[in-house]
Amino acid sequence: MSKTPRIAVIGAGLGGASAAALLLQDGFDVRVYEQAPSFARLGAGIHVGPNVMKIMRRIGIEDVMNAQGSHPECWYSRHWETGDVLARIPLGAHAVKEYGASYLTVHRGDFHALLMKALPSSAVAFGKFLTRIEDLGHVVRMEFADGSVEEADLVIGADGVNSRIREELLGHEPPKYAGYLAHRAVFPTPAVKAGMLPFDACVNGGAKTAT
């Protein structure tokens, strides 16, 4: 291995971008390979807990995330039909005091954009779909769909549910559908606030069960 290890990160999602940013701060030679042709603001709402915010503090984007995110005072679980409170978890100032950082809800695309801006453009290669990887002992060889070949001393797999890295290490194992669905919707809040159901900044809906 070279004096400064060459590290390849496969996948420039939230995990890959975060790993690359932290490794670059520690002086490593890092390059991220992303199969998408360019960055895209994808996703919907995402929760960012205090432990994650501490990592964002190290990366240097905690303040701007605090400025653009929502700071719910509590997490509510309510009955899907009646609005009855099933559980209430204090957040807001309580999270900062107890855990040392904020609890936020943000748009995933905004969060991802901040992470990508924390990386120098020279450290990210788009349009790199990994097709083959081989550990040669002294170096790892990577082949991409565009015909290019790269080498690194260490490869980190952050390539999602259909991870090529995981397949190489553990064999072919397609994802299994667990039978659960998550529905998202956008609706005007005035009608909710007017009496249809209680409105909270951070809430999920469930049903009461007997034990």
N, C-alpha and C. Protein backbone atom coordinates (compact mmCIF):
# COMPACT_ATOMS: atom_id res chain seq x y z
N MET A 1 0.83 -1.19 0.00
CA MET A 1 0.00 0.00 0.00
C MET A 1 0.87 1.25 0.00
N SER A 2 0.35 2.30 -0.60
CA SER A 2 1.08 3.55 -0.64
C SER A 2 1.10 4.18 0.74
N LYS A 3 1.96 5.18 0.91
CA LYS A 3 2.08 5.84 2.21
C LYS A 3 0.75 6.42 2.64
N THR A 4 0.05 7.10 1.72
CA THR A 4 -1.30 7.57 1.99
C THR A 4 -2.25 6.67 1.23
N PRO A 5 -2.99 5.81 1.92
CA PRO A 5 -3.85 4.84 1.23
C PRO A 5 -4.85 5.53 0.30
N ARG A 6 -5.01 4.97 -0.87
CA ARG A 6 -6.03 5.43 -1.81
C ARG A 6 -7.32 4.72 -1.46
N ILE A 7 -8.35 5.49 -1.13
CA ILE A 7 -9.62 4.92 -0.71
C ILE A 7 -10.69 5.25 -1.74
N ALA A 8 -11.38 4.22 -2.22
CA ALA A 8 -12.50 4.40 -3.13
C ALA A 8 -13.79 4.17 -2.37
N VAL A 9 -14.74 5.07 -2.54
CA VAL A 9 -16.07 4.92 -1.95
C VAL A 9 -17.05 4.71 -3.10
N ILE A 10 -17.73 3.58 -3.09
CA ILE A 10 -18.69 3.29 -4.14
C ILE A 10 -20.07 3.73 -3.68
N GLY A 11 -20.56 4.80 -4.29
CA GLY A 11 -21.87 5.33 -3.92
C GLY A 11 -21.75 6.68 -3.24
N ALA A 12 -22.43 7.68 -3.79
CA ALA A 12 -22.37 9.04 -3.23
C ALA A 12 -23.68 9.45 -2.59
N GLY A 13 -24.34 8.49 -1.93
CA GLY A 13 -25.53 8.83 -1.17
C GLY A 13 -25.16 9.47 0.15
N LEU A 14 -26.08 9.47 1.10
CA LEU A 14 -25.80 10.09 2.39
C LEU A 14 -24.63 9.42 3.10
N GLY A 15 -24.61 8.08 3.10
CA GLY A 15 -23.53 7.36 3.77
C GLY A 15 -22.20 7.53 3.09
N GLY A 16 -22.18 7.38 1.77
CA GLY A 16 -20.92 7.50 1.03
C GLY A 16 -20.34 8.90 1.10
N ALA A 17 -21.20 9.92 0.96
CA ALA A 17 -20.72 11.30 1.03
C ALA A 17 -20.19 11.63 2.42
N SER A 18 -20.87 11.16 3.45
CA SER A 18 -20.41 11.41 4.82
C SER A 18 -19.08 10.74 5.09
N ALA A 19 -18.95 9.48 4.69
CA ALA A 19 -17.70 8.77 4.90
C ALA A 19 -16.55 9.46 4.18
N ALA A 20 -16.78 9.87 2.94
CA ALA A 20 -15.74 10.53 2.17
C ALA A 20 -15.32 11.86 2.80
N ALA A 21 -16.30 12.63 3.26
CA ALA A 21 -15.99 13.93 3.88
C ALA A 21 -15.12 13.76 5.12
N LEU A 22 -15.45 12.77 5.95
CA LEU A 22 -14.68 12.55 7.18
C LEU A 22 -13.28 12.03 6.86
N LEU A 23 -13.16 11.15 5.89
CA LEU A 23 -11.85 10.61 5.52
C LEU A 23 -10.96 11.70 4.92
N LEU A 24 -11.55 12.58 4.12
CA LEU A 24 -10.78 13.68 3.54
C LEU A 24 -10.26 14.61 4.64
N GLN A 25 -11.09 14.84 5.66
CA GLN A 25 -10.65 15.69 6.77
C GLN A 25 -9.43 15.11 7.47
N ASP A 26 -9.35 13.78 7.49
CA ASP A 26 -8.22 13.12 8.15
C ASP A 26 -7.03 12.92 7.22
N GLY A 27 -7.10 13.51 6.04
CA GLY A 27 -5.94 13.52 5.15
C GLY A 27 -5.80 12.34 4.21
N PHE A 28 -6.84 11.53 4.08
CA PHE A 28 -6.76 10.38 3.18
C PHE A 28 -7.00 10.80 1.73
N ASP A 29 -6.48 10.02 0.82
CA ASP A 29 -6.70 10.21 -0.61
C ASP A 29 -7.99 9.47 -0.96
N VAL A 30 -9.08 10.21 -1.14
CA VAL A 30 -10.40 9.60 -1.31
C VAL A 30 -11.02 10.01 -2.63
N ARG A 31 -11.66 9.04 -3.29
CA ARG A 31 -12.43 9.33 -4.50
C ARG A 31 -13.73 8.55 -4.42
N VAL A 32 -14.83 9.25 -4.72
CA VAL A 32 -16.16 8.66 -4.67
C VAL A 32 -16.64 8.36 -6.09
N TYR A 33 -17.18 7.16 -6.29
CA TYR A 33 -17.69 6.75 -7.59
C TYR A 33 -19.19 6.55 -7.50
N GLU A 34 -19.93 7.36 -8.26
CA GLU A 34 -21.39 7.36 -8.21
C GLU A 34 -21.96 6.99 -9.58
N GLN A 35 -22.91 6.04 -9.59
CA GLN A 35 -23.45 5.58 -10.87
C GLN A 35 -24.36 6.61 -11.55
N ALA A 36 -25.00 7.50 -10.80
CA ALA A 36 -25.86 8.51 -11.41
C ALA A 36 -25.03 9.48 -12.25
N PRO A 37 -25.60 10.02 -13.31
CA PRO A 37 -24.84 10.94 -14.18
C PRO A 37 -24.53 12.28 -13.52
N SER A 38 -25.31 12.65 -12.52
CA SER A 38 -25.08 13.93 -11.82
C SER A 38 -25.86 13.90 -10.51
N PHE A 39 -25.61 14.89 -9.68
CA PHE A 39 -26.35 14.97 -8.42
C PHE A 39 -27.80 15.33 -8.70
N ALA A 40 -28.72 14.70 -7.97
CA ALA A 40 -30.14 15.01 -8.08
C ALA A 40 -30.73 15.12 -6.68
N ARG A 41 -31.59 16.10 -6.49
CA ARG A 41 -32.24 16.33 -5.20
C ARG A 41 -33.43 15.38 -5.08
N LEU A 42 -33.20 14.21 -4.48
CA LEU A 42 -34.21 13.16 -4.42
C LEU A 42 -34.70 12.94 -2.99
N GLY A 43 -35.85 12.27 -2.88
CA GLY A 43 -36.34 11.87 -1.57
C GLY A 43 -37.42 12.78 -1.04
N ALA A 44 -37.69 12.63 0.24
CA ALA A 44 -38.72 13.41 0.91
C ALA A 44 -38.22 13.74 2.31
N GLY A 45 -39.11 13.82 3.27
CA GLY A 45 -38.69 14.17 4.62
C GLY A 45 -37.83 13.09 5.26
N ILE A 46 -36.86 13.51 6.05
CA ILE A 46 -36.00 12.56 6.74
C ILE A 46 -35.70 13.11 8.14
N HIS A 47 -35.58 12.21 9.09
CA HIS A 47 -35.27 12.59 10.47
C HIS A 47 -33.77 12.48 10.70
N VAL A 48 -33.22 13.47 11.37
CA VAL A 48 -31.79 13.49 11.67
C VAL A 48 -31.63 13.64 13.18
N GLY A 49 -31.20 12.57 13.83
CA GLY A 49 -31.07 12.57 15.28
C GLY A 49 -29.81 13.24 15.78
N PRO A 50 -29.70 13.47 17.09
CA PRO A 50 -28.54 14.14 17.67
C PRO A 50 -27.21 13.47 17.36
N ASN A 51 -27.15 12.14 17.37
CA ASN A 51 -25.88 11.48 17.07
C ASN A 51 -25.42 11.78 15.65
N VAL A 52 -26.37 11.83 14.72
CA VAL A 52 -26.02 12.17 13.34
C VAL A 52 -25.59 13.64 13.25
N MET A 53 -26.27 14.50 13.98
CA MET A 53 -25.92 15.92 13.96
C MET A 53 -24.51 16.15 14.50
N LYS A 54 -24.07 15.33 15.42
CA LYS A 54 -22.69 15.45 15.91
C LYS A 54 -21.69 15.11 14.81
N ILE A 55 -22.05 14.16 13.95
CA ILE A 55 -21.20 13.86 12.80
C ILE A 55 -21.21 15.02 11.81
N MET A 56 -22.39 15.63 11.62
CA MET A 56 -22.47 16.79 10.73
C MET A 56 -21.65 17.96 11.30
N ARG A 57 -21.55 18.02 12.61
CA ARG A 57 -20.71 19.04 13.26
C ARG A 57 -19.25 18.85 12.84
N ARG A 58 -18.79 17.61 12.84
CA ARG A 58 -17.41 17.32 12.42
C ARG A 58 -17.19 17.66 10.96
N ILE A 59 -18.21 17.39 10.13
CA ILE A 59 -18.08 17.69 8.71
C ILE A 59 -18.13 19.19 8.45
N GLY A 60 -18.82 19.92 9.34
CA GLY A 60 -18.87 21.38 9.22
C GLY A 60 -20.17 21.93 8.69
N ILE A 61 -21.25 21.14 8.70
CA ILE A 61 -22.51 21.62 8.15
C ILE A 61 -23.63 21.64 9.19
N GLU A 62 -23.29 21.50 10.47
CA GLU A 62 -24.31 21.47 11.50
C GLU A 62 -25.11 22.77 11.56
N ASP A 63 -24.43 23.92 11.51
CA ASP A 63 -25.13 25.20 11.66
C ASP A 63 -26.12 25.44 10.54
N VAL A 64 -25.71 25.18 9.30
CA VAL A 64 -26.62 25.42 8.18
C VAL A 64 -27.77 24.43 8.19
N MET A 65 -27.54 23.22 8.67
CA MET A 65 -28.65 22.27 8.80
C MET A 65 -29.63 22.71 9.87
N ASN A 66 -29.11 23.23 10.98
CA ASN A 66 -30.00 23.76 12.02
C ASN A 66 -30.83 24.92 11.50
N ALA A 67 -30.23 25.72 10.61
CA ALA A 67 -30.94 26.88 10.07
C ALA A 67 -32.05 26.49 9.10
N GLN A 68 -31.84 25.44 8.34
CA GLN A 68 -32.83 25.09 7.31
C GLN A 68 -33.81 24.00 7.74
N GLY A 69 -33.50 23.29 8.84
CA GLY A 69 -34.37 22.20 9.26
C GLY A 69 -35.47 22.64 10.21
N SER A 70 -36.40 21.74 10.46
CA SER A 70 -37.47 21.96 11.43
C SER A 70 -37.08 21.32 12.75
N HIS A 71 -37.36 22.01 13.86
CA HIS A 71 -37.00 21.52 15.19
C HIS A 71 -38.26 21.17 15.97
N PRO A 72 -38.79 19.98 15.80
CA PRO A 72 -40.02 19.61 16.52
C PRO A 72 -39.78 19.55 18.02
N GLU A 73 -40.75 20.03 18.78
CA GLU A 73 -40.65 19.99 20.23
C GLU A 73 -40.85 18.58 20.77
N CYS A 74 -41.65 17.80 20.06
CA CYS A 74 -41.92 16.43 20.49
C CYS A 74 -42.17 15.55 19.27
N TRP A 75 -41.95 14.26 19.47
CA TRP A 75 -42.39 13.26 18.50
C TRP A 75 -43.69 12.67 19.05
N TYR A 76 -44.76 12.78 18.25
CA TYR A 76 -46.04 12.22 18.66
C TYR A 76 -46.37 10.99 17.82
N SER A 77 -46.90 9.99 18.48
CA SER A 77 -47.56 8.88 17.80
C SER A 77 -49.04 9.03 18.11
N ARG A 78 -49.85 9.13 17.06
CA ARG A 78 -51.29 9.34 17.24
C ARG A 78 -52.07 8.22 16.55
N HIS A 79 -53.26 7.98 17.07
CA HIS A 79 -54.15 7.02 16.44
C HIS A 79 -54.51 7.56 15.05
N TRP A 80 -54.45 6.69 14.06
CA TRP A 80 -54.63 7.13 12.68
C TRP A 80 -56.01 7.75 12.41
N GLU A 81 -57.03 7.36 13.21
CA GLU A 81 -58.38 7.82 12.93
C GLU A 81 -58.86 8.88 13.91
N THR A 82 -58.58 8.71 15.19
CA THR A 82 -59.11 9.63 16.21
C THR A 82 -58.16 10.76 16.55
N GLY A 83 -56.86 10.56 16.30
CA GLY A 83 -55.88 11.56 16.69
C GLY A 83 -55.43 11.44 18.12
N ASP A 84 -55.92 10.44 18.86
CA ASP A 84 -55.50 10.24 20.25
C ASP A 84 -53.99 10.02 20.32
N VAL A 85 -53.35 10.60 21.34
CA VAL A 85 -51.92 10.45 21.53
C VAL A 85 -51.61 9.05 22.08
N LEU A 86 -50.79 8.31 21.36
CA LEU A 86 -50.37 6.98 21.80
C LEU A 86 -49.02 7.04 22.50
N ALA A 87 -48.18 7.99 22.09
CA ALA A 87 -46.86 8.16 22.70
C ALA A 87 -46.36 9.57 22.43
N ARG A 88 -45.53 10.07 23.33
CA ARG A 88 -44.98 11.42 23.19
C ARG A 88 -43.53 11.39 23.65
N ILE A 89 -42.60 11.74 22.75
CA ILE A 89 -41.17 11.74 23.07
C ILE A 89 -40.67 13.19 22.99
N PRO A 90 -40.16 13.75 24.08
CA PRO A 90 -39.69 15.14 24.05
C PRO A 90 -38.43 15.29 23.20
N LEU A 91 -38.42 16.35 22.39
CA LEU A 91 -37.26 16.65 21.53
C LEU A 91 -36.88 18.11 21.76
N GLY A 92 -36.72 18.91 20.73
CA GLY A 92 -36.43 20.33 20.87
C GLY A 92 -35.26 20.62 21.80
N ALA A 93 -35.48 21.54 22.75
CA ALA A 93 -34.43 21.91 23.70
C ALA A 93 -34.01 20.73 24.56
N HIS A 94 -34.94 19.81 24.81
CA HIS A 94 -34.63 18.63 25.61
C HIS A 94 -33.55 17.79 24.93
N ALA A 95 -33.65 17.62 23.61
CA ALA A 95 -32.66 16.83 22.88
C ALA A 95 -31.29 17.48 22.96
N VAL A 96 -31.25 18.80 22.81
CA VAL A 96 -29.96 19.52 22.87
C VAL A 96 -29.34 19.35 24.25
N LYS A 97 -30.16 19.49 25.30
CA LYS A 97 -29.65 19.39 26.66
C LYS A 97 -29.20 17.97 27.00
N GLU A 98 -30.01 17.00 26.65
CA GLU A 98 -29.73 15.62 27.04
C GLU A 98 -28.70 14.93 26.14
N TYR A 99 -28.70 15.26 24.85
CA TYR A 99 -27.87 14.52 23.90
C TYR A 99 -26.78 15.36 23.24
N GLY A 100 -26.81 16.68 23.47
CA GLY A 100 -25.72 17.52 22.97
C GLY A 100 -25.85 17.99 21.54
N ALA A 101 -26.99 17.79 20.93
CA ALA A 101 -27.21 18.25 19.55
C ALA A 101 -28.71 18.24 19.26
N SER A 102 -29.09 18.89 18.16
CA SER A 102 -30.50 19.02 17.80
C SER A 102 -31.06 17.74 17.21
N TYR A 103 -32.38 17.66 17.23
CA TYR A 103 -33.13 16.64 16.48
C TYR A 103 -33.87 17.40 15.40
N LEU A 104 -33.61 17.06 14.14
CA LEU A 104 -34.19 17.79 13.02
C LEU A 104 -35.05 16.91 12.14
N THR A 105 -35.98 17.55 11.45
CA THR A 105 -36.60 16.96 10.27
C THR A 105 -36.25 17.87 9.10
N VAL A 106 -35.75 17.27 8.02
CA VAL A 106 -35.30 18.04 6.86
C VAL A 106 -35.71 17.29 5.59
N HIS A 107 -35.61 17.97 4.47
CA HIS A 107 -35.80 17.29 3.20
C HIS A 107 -34.52 16.54 2.87
N ARG A 108 -34.66 15.28 2.49
CA ARG A 108 -33.47 14.49 2.21
C ARG A 108 -32.60 15.13 1.13
N GLY A 109 -33.23 15.71 0.11
CA GLY A 109 -32.47 16.34 -0.96
C GLY A 109 -31.63 17.50 -0.48
N ASP A 110 -32.18 18.31 0.44
CA ASP A 110 -31.42 19.43 1.00
C ASP A 110 -30.23 18.92 1.81
N PHE A 111 -30.48 17.89 2.61
CA PHE A 111 -29.43 17.27 3.42
C PHE A 111 -28.32 16.73 2.53
N HIS A 112 -28.71 16.00 1.49
CA HIS A 112 -27.74 15.41 0.57
C HIS A 112 -26.93 16.49 -0.14
N ALA A 113 -27.60 17.57 -0.54
CA ALA A 113 -26.90 18.65 -1.24
C ALA A 113 -25.80 19.26 -0.37
N LEU A 114 -26.08 19.44 0.92
CA LEU A 114 -25.08 19.99 1.83
C LEU A 114 -23.87 19.06 1.95
N LEU A 115 -24.12 17.76 2.02
CA LEU A 115 -23.03 16.80 2.11
C LEU A 115 -22.18 16.82 0.84
N MET A 116 -22.83 16.91 -0.31
CA MET A 116 -22.08 16.92 -1.56
C MET A 116 -21.25 18.20 -1.70
N LYS A 117 -21.78 19.31 -1.19
CA LYS A 117 -21.02 20.56 -1.23
C LYS A 117 -19.81 20.53 -0.32
N ALA A 118 -19.84 19.64 0.67
CA ALA A 118 -18.70 19.50 1.57
C ALA A 118 -17.55 18.75 0.92
N LEU A 119 -17.80 18.15 -0.24
CA LEU A 119 -16.76 17.41 -0.95
C LEU A 119 -16.21 18.24 -2.11
N PRO A 120 -14.91 18.26 -2.31
CA PRO A 120 -14.37 18.92 -3.51
C PRO A 120 -14.83 18.18 -4.75
N SER A 121 -15.12 18.93 -5.81
CA SER A 121 -15.63 18.30 -7.03
C SER A 121 -14.66 17.27 -7.59
N SER A 122 -13.38 17.46 -7.34
CA SER A 122 -12.37 16.54 -7.84
C SER A 122 -12.43 15.18 -7.16
N ALA A 123 -13.15 15.10 -6.03
CA ALA A 123 -13.21 13.85 -5.27
C ALA A 123 -14.39 12.99 -5.66
N VAL A 124 -15.24 13.47 -6.58
CA VAL A 124 -16.43 12.72 -6.95
C VAL A 124 -16.45 12.48 -8.45
N ALA A 125 -16.66 11.23 -8.85
CA ALA A 125 -16.78 10.87 -10.26
C ALA A 125 -18.18 10.33 -10.50
N PHE A 126 -18.97 11.02 -11.35
CA PHE A 126 -20.32 10.58 -11.67
C PHE A 126 -20.31 9.67 -12.90
N GLY A 127 -21.41 8.97 -13.12
CA GLY A 127 -21.52 8.08 -14.26
C GLY A 127 -20.65 6.85 -14.16
N LYS A 128 -20.38 6.42 -12.92
CA LYS A 128 -19.50 5.27 -12.69
C LYS A 128 -20.30 4.12 -12.08
N PHE A 129 -20.83 3.27 -12.94
CA PHE A 129 -21.58 2.09 -12.49
C PHE A 129 -20.61 0.92 -12.38
N LEU A 130 -20.40 0.45 -11.15
CA LEU A 130 -19.45 -0.63 -10.91
C LEU A 130 -19.99 -1.95 -11.44
N THR A 131 -19.21 -2.61 -12.28
CA THR A 131 -19.63 -3.90 -12.83
C THR A 131 -18.80 -5.06 -12.30
N ARG A 132 -17.56 -4.79 -11.90
CA ARG A 132 -16.71 -5.87 -11.43
C ARG A 132 -15.67 -5.30 -10.47
N ILE A 133 -15.37 -6.05 -9.43
CA ILE A 133 -14.34 -5.65 -8.47
C ILE A 133 -13.51 -6.88 -8.13
N GLU A 134 -12.21 -6.70 -8.03
CA GLU A 134 -11.31 -7.82 -7.77
C GLU A 134 -10.21 -7.41 -6.82
N ASP A 135 -10.05 -8.19 -5.76
CA ASP A 135 -8.97 -7.96 -4.80
C ASP A 135 -7.73 -8.70 -5.29
N LEU A 136 -6.73 -7.95 -5.71
CA LEU A 136 -5.50 -8.54 -6.24
C LEU A 136 -4.44 -8.74 -5.17
N GLY A 137 -4.79 -8.47 -3.93
CA GLY A 137 -3.84 -8.63 -2.83
C GLY A 137 -3.13 -7.33 -2.50
N HIS A 138 -2.42 -6.78 -3.45
CA HIS A 138 -1.70 -5.52 -3.22
C HIS A 138 -2.55 -4.31 -3.58
N VAL A 139 -3.67 -4.54 -4.31
CA VAL A 139 -4.53 -3.45 -4.74
C VAL A 139 -5.90 -4.02 -5.11
N VAL A 140 -6.92 -3.18 -5.08
CA VAL A 140 -8.26 -3.58 -5.50
C VAL A 140 -8.55 -2.96 -6.86
N ARG A 141 -8.97 -3.79 -7.80
CA ARG A 141 -9.23 -3.34 -9.18
C ARG A 141 -10.73 -3.22 -9.38
N MET A 142 -11.16 -2.08 -9.92
CA MET A 142 -12.57 -1.83 -10.15
C MET A 142 -12.83 -1.57 -11.62
N GLU A 143 -13.83 -2.23 -12.17
CA GLU A 143 -14.22 -2.02 -13.55
C GLU A 143 -15.61 -1.40 -13.58
N PHE A 144 -15.79 -0.41 -14.47
CA PHE A 144 -17.06 0.31 -14.56
C PHE A 144 -17.71 0.12 -15.92
N ALA A 145 -19.01 0.38 -15.96
CA ALA A 145 -19.77 0.14 -17.19
C ALA A 145 -19.32 1.00 -18.35
N ASP A 146 -18.70 2.13 -18.08
CA ASP A 146 -18.22 2.99 -19.16
C ASP A 146 -16.89 2.53 -19.74
N GLY A 147 -16.38 1.39 -19.26
CA GLY A 147 -15.13 0.84 -19.77
C GLY A 147 -13.89 1.25 -19.01
N SER A 148 -14.04 2.16 -18.07
CA SER A 148 -12.89 2.63 -17.30
C SER A 148 -12.51 1.62 -16.21
N VAL A 149 -11.25 1.67 -15.82
CA VAL A 149 -10.72 0.80 -14.77
C VAL A 149 -9.98 1.67 -13.77
N GLU A 150 -10.25 1.47 -12.48
CA GLU A 150 -9.59 2.22 -11.43
C GLU A 150 -9.02 1.25 -10.39
N GLU A 151 -8.05 1.74 -9.63
CA GLU A 151 -7.46 0.94 -8.57
C GLU A 151 -7.45 1.73 -7.27
N ALA A 152 -7.53 1.01 -6.16
CA ALA A 152 -7.47 1.64 -4.84
C ALA A 152 -6.89 0.64 -3.86
N ASP A 153 -6.40 1.17 -2.75
CA ASP A 153 -5.89 0.29 -1.70
C ASP A 153 -7.01 -0.24 -0.82
N LEU A 154 -8.08 0.52 -0.74
CA LEU A 154 -9.22 0.15 0.10
C LEU A 154 -10.49 0.62 -0.59
N VAL A 155 -11.52 -0.23 -0.59
CA VAL A 155 -12.80 0.12 -1.21
C VAL A 155 -13.90 0.03 -0.16
N ILE A 156 -14.70 1.07 -0.06
CA ILE A 156 -15.83 1.12 0.87
C ILE A 156 -17.12 1.03 0.06
N GLY A 157 -17.96 0.08 0.41
CA GLY A 157 -19.23 -0.07 -0.28
C GLY A 157 -20.33 0.74 0.38
N ALA A 158 -20.83 1.74 -0.34
CA ALA A 158 -21.97 2.55 0.11
C ALA A 158 -22.96 2.63 -1.03
N ASP A 159 -23.15 1.48 -1.70
CA ASP A 159 -23.90 1.44 -2.95
C ASP A 159 -25.29 0.86 -2.81
N GLY A 160 -25.88 0.99 -1.64
CA GLY A 160 -27.31 0.78 -1.49
C GLY A 160 -27.78 -0.65 -1.47
N VAL A 161 -29.10 -0.81 -1.68
CA VAL A 161 -29.76 -2.10 -1.50
C VAL A 161 -29.27 -3.15 -2.49
N ASN A 162 -28.88 -2.73 -3.68
CA ASN A 162 -28.36 -3.65 -4.68
C ASN A 162 -26.84 -3.57 -4.74
N SER A 163 -26.20 -3.53 -3.59
CA SER A 163 -24.77 -3.31 -3.48
C SER A 163 -23.95 -4.36 -4.23
N ARG A 164 -23.11 -3.87 -5.13
CA ARG A 164 -22.19 -4.75 -5.85
C ARG A 164 -21.07 -5.21 -4.92
N ILE A 165 -20.70 -4.36 -3.98
CA ILE A 165 -19.64 -4.71 -3.03
C ILE A 165 -20.12 -5.84 -2.12
N ARG A 166 -21.32 -5.73 -1.60
CA ARG A 166 -21.86 -6.78 -0.73
C ARG A 166 -21.95 -8.10 -1.48
N GLU A 167 -22.37 -8.03 -2.72
CA GLU A 167 -22.47 -9.24 -3.54
C GLU A 167 -21.12 -9.91 -3.71
N GLU A 168 -20.08 -9.12 -3.89
CA GLU A 168 -18.74 -9.67 -4.06
C GLU A 168 -18.27 -10.34 -2.77
N LEU A 169 -18.58 -9.75 -1.64
CA LEU A 169 -18.12 -10.28 -0.35
C LEU A 169 -18.96 -11.45 0.13
N LEU A 170 -20.28 -11.40 -0.06
CA LEU A 170 -21.18 -12.37 0.54
C LEU A 170 -21.94 -13.23 -0.45
N GLY A 171 -21.75 -12.97 -1.74
CA GLY A 171 -22.48 -13.73 -2.74
C GLY A 171 -23.79 -13.05 -3.12
N HIS A 172 -24.41 -13.55 -4.17
CA HIS A 172 -25.65 -12.96 -4.68
C HIS A 172 -26.78 -13.19 -3.69
N GLU A 173 -27.41 -12.13 -3.26
CA GLU A 173 -28.49 -12.21 -2.27
C GLU A 173 -29.46 -11.08 -2.54
N PRO A 174 -30.44 -11.30 -3.42
CA PRO A 174 -31.36 -10.22 -3.79
C PRO A 174 -32.20 -9.77 -2.60
N PRO A 175 -32.62 -8.50 -2.58
CA PRO A 175 -33.45 -8.00 -1.48
C PRO A 175 -34.77 -8.78 -1.40
N LYS A 176 -35.27 -8.94 -0.18
CA LYS A 176 -36.53 -9.65 0.05
C LYS A 176 -37.58 -8.65 0.53
N TYR A 177 -38.72 -8.66 -0.13
CA TYR A 177 -39.81 -7.77 0.25
C TYR A 177 -40.42 -8.24 1.57
N ALA A 178 -40.45 -7.35 2.56
CA ALA A 178 -40.92 -7.71 3.90
C ALA A 178 -42.42 -7.55 4.06
N GLY A 179 -43.08 -6.98 3.06
CA GLY A 179 -44.53 -6.84 3.13
C GLY A 179 -45.02 -5.54 3.73
N TYR A 180 -44.11 -4.59 3.97
CA TYR A 180 -44.50 -3.32 4.57
C TYR A 180 -44.44 -2.20 3.53
N LEU A 181 -45.35 -1.24 3.66
CA LEU A 181 -45.39 -0.08 2.79
C LEU A 181 -45.39 1.19 3.61
N ALA A 182 -44.81 2.26 3.07
CA ALA A 182 -44.86 3.58 3.71
C ALA A 182 -45.51 4.54 2.73
N HIS A 183 -46.60 5.17 3.15
CA HIS A 183 -47.31 6.11 2.30
C HIS A 183 -46.97 7.54 2.72
N ARG A 184 -46.72 8.38 1.74
CA ARG A 184 -46.45 9.79 2.01
C ARG A 184 -47.49 10.64 1.29
N ALA A 185 -47.84 11.76 1.89
CA ALA A 185 -48.82 12.65 1.28
C ALA A 185 -48.54 14.09 1.68
N VAL A 186 -48.94 15.00 0.84
CA VAL A 186 -48.86 16.43 1.14
C VAL A 186 -50.28 16.96 1.21
N PHE A 187 -50.58 17.69 2.29
CA PHE A 187 -51.93 18.20 2.45
C PHE A 187 -51.88 19.56 3.12
N PRO A 188 -52.88 20.41 2.90
CA PRO A 188 -52.91 21.74 3.53
C PRO A 188 -53.20 21.62 5.02
N THR A 189 -52.42 22.32 5.83
CA THR A 189 -52.59 22.20 7.28
C THR A 189 -53.73 23.05 7.86
N PRO A 190 -54.19 24.15 7.21
CA PRO A 190 -55.25 24.93 7.86
C PRO A 190 -56.48 24.12 8.22
N ALA A 191 -56.91 23.23 7.32
CA ALA A 191 -58.10 22.43 7.60
C ALA A 191 -57.86 21.49 8.78
N VAL A 192 -56.65 20.97 8.88
CA VAL A 192 -56.32 20.09 10.00
C VAL A 192 -56.34 20.87 11.29
N LYS A 193 -55.73 22.05 11.27
CA LYS A 193 -55.70 22.89 12.46
C LYS A 193 -57.09 23.36 12.87
N ALA A 194 -57.99 23.44 11.90
CA ALA A 194 -59.34 23.95 12.18
C ALA A 194 -60.20 22.93 12.91
N GLY A 195 -59.71 21.72 13.08
CA GLY A 195 -60.48 20.79 13.88
C GLY A 195 -60.61 19.38 13.35
N MET A 196 -60.08 19.13 12.15
CA MET A 196 -60.18 17.76 11.63
C MET A 196 -59.41 16.79 12.51
N LEU A 197 -58.13 17.08 12.73
CA LEU A 197 -57.27 16.27 13.57
C LEU A 197 -56.21 17.19 14.16
N PRO A 198 -55.62 16.82 15.29
CA PRO A 198 -54.50 17.62 15.82
C PRO A 198 -53.36 17.64 14.83
N PHE A 199 -52.65 18.76 14.78
CA PHE A 199 -51.51 18.88 13.86
C PHE A 199 -50.23 19.06 14.66
N ASP A 200 -49.24 18.23 14.37
CA ASP A 200 -47.95 18.31 15.04
C ASP A 200 -46.85 18.35 13.98
N ALA A 201 -45.73 18.98 14.32
CA ALA A 201 -44.62 19.07 13.37
C ALA A 201 -43.96 17.72 13.13
N CYS A 202 -44.07 16.81 14.10
CA CYS A 202 -43.42 15.50 13.98
C CYS A 202 -44.37 14.45 14.54
N VAL A 203 -45.00 13.69 13.64
CA VAL A 203 -46.03 12.76 14.08
C VAL A 203 -46.10 11.57 13.14
N ASN A 204 -46.44 10.43 13.71
CA ASN A 204 -46.75 9.27 12.88
C ASN A 204 -48.07 8.69 13.35
N GLY A 205 -48.73 7.97 12.46
CA GLY A 205 -50.04 7.45 12.79
C GLY A 205 -50.02 5.94 12.98
N GLY A 206 -50.71 5.48 14.00
CA GLY A 206 -50.80 4.05 14.24
C GLY A 206 -52.15 3.72 14.84
N ALA A 207 -52.25 2.54 15.37
CA ALA A 207 -53.52 2.12 15.99
C ALA A 207 -53.24 1.56 17.37
N LYS A 208 -54.17 1.73 18.27
CA LYS A 208 -54.04 1.18 19.60
C LYS A 208 -54.18 -0.35 19.53
N THR A 209 -53.39 -1.02 20.32
CA THR A 209 -53.49 -2.47 20.38
C THR A 209 -53.62 -2.91 21.83
N ALA A 210 -54.33 -3.98 22.06
CA ALA A 210 -54.48 -4.51 23.42
C ALA A 210 -53.40 -5.55 23.68
N THR A 211 -52.87 -5.56 24.91
CA THR A 211 -51.85 -6.54 25.28
C THR A 211 -52.33 -7.35 26.46
